[in-house]
Amino acid sequence: MAAKKTFKLGENARGGIITVEITGKIIVVIGKEWDMSKGCSRSSNQSGAKEFTRGTAESTDPNVRRKLDDFLNDLTTSYYAGQILEWIESKVKLGGGNPWD
């Protein structure tokens, strides 16, 4: 299973763009700088936006939700971090369950 989504948040996120890529159990969150040469609207093609940070987590990690939330809150507001986490959880199950089982 592979899923990818780009969130064009503009002034609500550092750099303006957050891309999430999910491949199997690996979740990658990428912060990108808005490419102003392609336009300012959300409909502008931002496929060439430059990456400035990247966070990777494994969905089976018992602390994955907290790690993703911390990383996302460093990039954007808690509202948008929650929206992105909801999308991630709709694509992959987070957490490894009880470590004592």
N, C-alpha and C. Protein backbone atom coordinates (compact mmCIF):
# COMPACT_ATOMS: atom_id res chain seq x y z
N MET A 1 0.84 -1.17 0.00
CA MET A 1 0.00 0.00 0.00
C MET A 1 0.88 1.24 0.00
N ALA A 2 0.64 2.14 -0.91
CA ALA A 2 1.37 3.41 -0.96
C ALA A 2 0.36 4.54 -1.08
N ALA A 3 0.55 5.56 -0.26
CA ALA A 3 -0.35 6.71 -0.29
C ALA A 3 0.51 7.97 -0.17
N LYS A 4 0.07 9.02 -0.84
CA LYS A 4 0.80 10.28 -0.80
C LYS A 4 -0.20 11.42 -0.89
N LYS A 5 0.02 12.44 -0.07
CA LYS A 5 -0.84 13.62 -0.13
C LYS A 5 -0.01 14.85 0.20
N THR A 6 -0.27 15.92 -0.54
CA THR A 6 0.39 17.19 -0.32
C THR A 6 -0.63 18.17 0.26
N PHE A 7 -0.27 18.76 1.39
CA PHE A 7 -1.11 19.75 2.04
C PHE A 7 -0.50 21.13 1.78
N LYS A 8 -1.18 21.95 1.01
CA LYS A 8 -0.72 23.31 0.69
C LYS A 8 -1.36 24.25 1.70
N LEU A 9 -0.64 24.56 2.76
CA LEU A 9 -1.19 25.32 3.87
C LEU A 9 -0.80 26.79 3.86
N GLY A 10 0.08 27.18 2.97
CA GLY A 10 0.49 28.58 2.88
C GLY A 10 1.07 29.09 4.18
N GLU A 11 0.55 30.22 4.65
CA GLU A 11 1.10 30.86 5.84
C GLU A 11 0.81 30.09 7.13
N ASN A 12 0.01 29.04 7.06
CA ASN A 12 -0.28 28.24 8.24
C ASN A 12 0.76 27.16 8.51
N ALA A 13 1.80 27.10 7.71
CA ALA A 13 2.85 26.11 7.91
C ALA A 13 4.21 26.70 7.55
N ARG A 14 5.24 26.27 8.27
CA ARG A 14 6.60 26.69 7.90
C ARG A 14 6.87 26.19 6.50
N GLY A 15 7.25 27.08 5.62
CA GLY A 15 7.52 26.71 4.24
C GLY A 15 6.27 26.68 3.38
N GLY A 16 5.12 26.43 3.98
CA GLY A 16 3.86 26.47 3.26
C GLY A 16 3.31 25.14 2.77
N ILE A 17 4.18 24.12 2.67
CA ILE A 17 3.74 22.84 2.10
C ILE A 17 4.21 21.69 2.99
N ILE A 18 3.31 20.74 3.24
CA ILE A 18 3.66 19.51 3.94
C ILE A 18 3.20 18.35 3.08
N THR A 19 4.12 17.45 2.76
CA THR A 19 3.79 16.25 1.99
C THR A 19 3.96 15.04 2.89
N VAL A 20 3.00 14.13 2.82
CA VAL A 20 3.06 12.88 3.59
C VAL A 20 3.09 11.72 2.60
N GLU A 21 4.05 10.83 2.78
CA GLU A 21 4.17 9.63 1.95
C GLU A 21 4.13 8.41 2.86
N ILE A 22 3.25 7.47 2.54
CA ILE A 22 3.13 6.24 3.33
C ILE A 22 3.41 5.07 2.40
N THR A 23 4.44 4.30 2.75
CA THR A 23 4.79 3.10 1.98
C THR A 23 4.91 1.95 2.98
N GLY A 24 3.94 1.05 2.93
CA GLY A 24 3.94 -0.05 3.89
C GLY A 24 3.79 0.49 5.30
N LYS A 25 4.78 0.21 6.16
CA LYS A 25 4.75 0.67 7.54
C LYS A 25 5.51 1.98 7.75
N ILE A 26 6.14 2.49 6.70
CA ILE A 26 6.97 3.68 6.82
C ILE A 26 6.17 4.93 6.46
N ILE A 27 6.18 5.91 7.36
CA ILE A 27 5.49 7.18 7.17
C ILE A 27 6.55 8.27 7.09
N VAL A 28 6.53 9.04 6.01
CA VAL A 28 7.49 10.12 5.82
C VAL A 28 6.72 11.43 5.72
N VAL A 29 7.11 12.42 6.55
CA VAL A 29 6.52 13.75 6.51
C VAL A 29 7.60 14.70 6.04
N ILE A 30 7.30 15.46 4.98
CA ILE A 30 8.28 16.34 4.35
C ILE A 30 7.77 17.78 4.38
N GLY A 31 8.59 18.68 4.91
CA GLY A 31 8.30 20.11 4.87
C GLY A 31 8.97 20.70 3.64
N LYS A 32 8.21 21.49 2.87
CA LYS A 32 8.74 22.08 1.64
C LYS A 32 8.50 23.58 1.62
N GLU A 33 9.41 24.30 0.95
CA GLU A 33 9.28 25.74 0.75
C GLU A 33 8.42 26.00 -0.47
N TRP A 34 7.43 26.87 -0.33
CA TRP A 34 6.55 27.23 -1.45
C TRP A 34 7.37 27.83 -2.59
N ASP A 35 7.17 27.35 -3.80
CA ASP A 35 7.87 27.87 -4.98
C ASP A 35 7.06 29.03 -5.55
N MET A 36 7.43 30.25 -5.16
CA MET A 36 6.68 31.44 -5.57
C MET A 36 6.72 31.68 -7.08
N SER A 37 7.72 31.13 -7.76
CA SER A 37 7.80 31.32 -9.21
C SER A 37 6.67 30.59 -9.94
N LYS A 38 6.02 29.64 -9.25
CA LYS A 38 4.92 28.88 -9.85
C LYS A 38 3.55 29.47 -9.51
N GLY A 39 3.54 30.52 -8.70
CA GLY A 39 2.29 31.16 -8.33
C GLY A 39 2.03 31.07 -6.84
N CYS A 40 1.04 31.84 -6.41
CA CYS A 40 0.73 31.93 -4.98
C CYS A 40 -0.54 31.19 -4.58
N SER A 41 -1.34 30.76 -5.54
CA SER A 41 -2.61 30.12 -5.20
C SER A 41 -2.40 28.64 -4.88
N ARG A 42 -3.35 28.08 -4.16
CA ARG A 42 -3.26 26.66 -3.79
C ARG A 42 -3.33 25.75 -5.01
N SER A 43 -3.89 26.25 -6.10
CA SER A 43 -3.98 25.44 -7.31
C SER A 43 -2.68 25.46 -8.13
N SER A 44 -1.69 26.24 -7.70
CA SER A 44 -0.43 26.30 -8.44
C SER A 44 0.34 24.99 -8.32
N ASN A 45 1.11 24.67 -9.35
CA ASN A 45 1.90 23.44 -9.38
C ASN A 45 3.11 23.59 -8.47
N GLN A 46 3.12 22.90 -7.36
CA GLN A 46 4.21 23.00 -6.39
C GLN A 46 5.05 21.73 -6.36
N SER A 47 5.02 20.95 -7.43
CA SER A 47 5.76 19.68 -7.47
C SER A 47 7.27 19.90 -7.40
N GLY A 48 7.75 21.08 -7.76
CA GLY A 48 9.19 21.36 -7.71
C GLY A 48 9.62 22.08 -6.45
N ALA A 49 8.74 22.18 -5.45
CA ALA A 49 9.07 22.88 -4.21
C ALA A 49 10.25 22.19 -3.53
N LYS A 50 11.13 22.99 -2.95
CA LYS A 50 12.35 22.48 -2.31
C LYS A 50 12.07 21.97 -0.90
N GLU A 51 12.57 20.79 -0.62
CA GLU A 51 12.45 20.18 0.70
C GLU A 51 13.40 20.85 1.67
N PHE A 52 12.92 21.15 2.91
CA PHE A 52 13.82 21.71 3.92
C PHE A 52 13.89 20.86 5.19
N THR A 53 12.95 19.93 5.36
CA THR A 53 13.01 19.02 6.51
C THR A 53 12.24 17.74 6.19
N ARG A 54 12.61 16.68 6.90
CA ARG A 54 11.98 15.39 6.67
C ARG A 54 11.98 14.60 7.98
N GLY A 55 10.84 13.99 8.26
CA GLY A 55 10.73 13.13 9.43
C GLY A 55 10.19 11.77 8.99
N THR A 56 10.74 10.72 9.56
CA THR A 56 10.33 9.36 9.20
C THR A 56 9.95 8.61 10.46
N ALA A 57 8.86 7.84 10.36
CA ALA A 57 8.42 7.04 11.50
C ALA A 57 7.88 5.72 10.98
N GLU A 58 7.91 4.71 11.85
CA GLU A 58 7.34 3.41 11.51
C GLU A 58 6.00 3.26 12.21
N SER A 59 4.99 2.86 11.47
CA SER A 59 3.63 2.82 12.01
C SER A 59 3.47 1.84 13.17
N THR A 60 4.36 0.88 13.32
CA THR A 60 4.27 -0.11 14.40
C THR A 60 4.92 0.37 15.70
N ASP A 61 5.61 1.50 15.67
CA ASP A 61 6.22 2.07 16.87
C ASP A 61 5.12 2.47 17.85
N PRO A 62 5.19 2.02 19.11
CA PRO A 62 4.14 2.36 20.07
C PRO A 62 3.99 3.87 20.29
N ASN A 63 5.04 4.65 20.02
CA ASN A 63 5.01 6.10 20.22
C ASN A 63 4.86 6.88 18.91
N VAL A 64 4.45 6.21 17.85
CA VAL A 64 4.43 6.85 16.53
C VAL A 64 3.49 8.05 16.49
N ARG A 65 2.35 7.97 17.12
CA ARG A 65 1.40 9.09 17.06
C ARG A 65 2.00 10.33 17.72
N ARG A 66 2.65 10.16 18.88
CA ARG A 66 3.27 11.29 19.56
C ARG A 66 4.41 11.87 18.74
N LYS A 67 5.23 10.99 18.15
CA LYS A 67 6.36 11.46 17.34
C LYS A 67 5.88 12.26 16.13
N LEU A 68 4.85 11.74 15.44
CA LEU A 68 4.30 12.46 14.30
C LEU A 68 3.68 13.78 14.73
N ASP A 69 2.94 13.77 15.83
CA ASP A 69 2.30 14.98 16.32
C ASP A 69 3.34 16.03 16.68
N ASP A 70 4.41 15.63 17.36
CA ASP A 70 5.47 16.58 17.71
C ASP A 70 6.12 17.17 16.46
N PHE A 71 6.42 16.32 15.48
CA PHE A 71 7.06 16.79 14.26
C PHE A 71 6.13 17.73 13.49
N LEU A 72 4.86 17.35 13.37
CA LEU A 72 3.90 18.18 12.65
C LEU A 72 3.65 19.51 13.36
N ASN A 73 3.61 19.49 14.69
CA ASN A 73 3.40 20.74 15.43
C ASN A 73 4.59 21.68 15.31
N ASP A 74 5.75 21.16 14.96
CA ASP A 74 6.90 22.01 14.69
C ASP A 74 6.76 22.69 13.32
N LEU A 75 5.96 22.08 12.43
CA LEU A 75 5.79 22.62 11.08
C LEU A 75 4.55 23.48 10.92
N THR A 76 3.50 23.22 11.71
CA THR A 76 2.22 23.89 11.49
C THR A 76 1.47 24.04 12.80
N THR A 77 0.25 24.55 12.73
CA THR A 77 -0.59 24.72 13.91
C THR A 77 -1.12 23.37 14.38
N SER A 78 -1.61 23.34 15.62
CA SER A 78 -2.14 22.08 16.14
C SER A 78 -3.37 21.64 15.35
N TYR A 79 -4.16 22.59 14.84
CA TYR A 79 -5.33 22.24 14.04
C TYR A 79 -4.92 21.45 12.80
N TYR A 80 -3.98 21.99 12.02
CA TYR A 80 -3.56 21.31 10.79
C TYR A 80 -2.77 20.04 11.09
N ALA A 81 -2.02 20.03 12.19
CA ALA A 81 -1.33 18.80 12.59
C ALA A 81 -2.36 17.70 12.84
N GLY A 82 -3.46 18.05 13.49
CA GLY A 82 -4.54 17.09 13.73
C GLY A 82 -5.19 16.61 12.45
N GLN A 83 -5.41 17.53 11.51
CA GLN A 83 -6.00 17.17 10.22
C GLN A 83 -5.10 16.20 9.45
N ILE A 84 -3.80 16.47 9.47
CA ILE A 84 -2.85 15.60 8.76
C ILE A 84 -2.78 14.23 9.44
N LEU A 85 -2.77 14.22 10.79
CA LEU A 85 -2.77 12.94 11.51
C LEU A 85 -4.02 12.13 11.21
N GLU A 86 -5.17 12.79 11.11
CA GLU A 86 -6.40 12.08 10.75
C GLU A 86 -6.26 11.41 9.38
N TRP A 87 -5.67 12.13 8.42
CA TRP A 87 -5.48 11.56 7.09
C TRP A 87 -4.54 10.35 7.16
N ILE A 88 -3.44 10.49 7.92
CA ILE A 88 -2.49 9.39 8.07
C ILE A 88 -3.20 8.17 8.67
N GLU A 89 -4.00 8.39 9.72
CA GLU A 89 -4.70 7.29 10.38
C GLU A 89 -5.77 6.65 9.49
N SER A 90 -6.25 7.40 8.49
CA SER A 90 -7.21 6.81 7.56
C SER A 90 -6.53 5.88 6.56
N LYS A 91 -5.20 5.99 6.47
CA LYS A 91 -4.44 5.18 5.51
C LYS A 91 -3.68 4.03 6.15
N VAL A 92 -3.29 4.19 7.41
CA VAL A 92 -2.48 3.17 8.07
C VAL A 92 -2.81 3.15 9.57
N LYS A 93 -2.77 1.96 10.18
CA LYS A 93 -3.02 1.82 11.61
C LYS A 93 -1.76 2.23 12.36
N LEU A 94 -1.91 3.13 13.34
CA LEU A 94 -0.76 3.62 14.10
C LEU A 94 -0.62 2.87 15.41
N GLY A 95 0.60 2.63 15.82
CA GLY A 95 0.90 2.03 17.12
C GLY A 95 1.08 0.54 17.02
N GLY A 96 1.91 0.04 17.88
CA GLY A 96 2.21 -1.39 17.87
C GLY A 96 1.42 -2.18 18.87
N GLY A 97 0.43 -1.53 19.50
CA GLY A 97 -0.35 -2.23 20.51
C GLY A 97 0.37 -2.25 21.84
N ASN A 98 -0.04 -3.13 22.69
CA ASN A 98 0.52 -3.24 24.03
C ASN A 98 1.87 -3.97 23.97
N PRO A 99 2.96 -3.33 24.41
CA PRO A 99 4.28 -3.98 24.32
C PRO A 99 4.44 -5.15 25.27
N TRP A 100 3.51 -5.33 26.24
CA TRP A 100 3.61 -6.44 27.19
C TRP A 100 2.82 -7.67 26.77
N ASP A 101 2.17 -7.62 25.62
CA ASP A 101 1.42 -8.77 25.12
C ASP A 101 2.32 -9.78 24.46
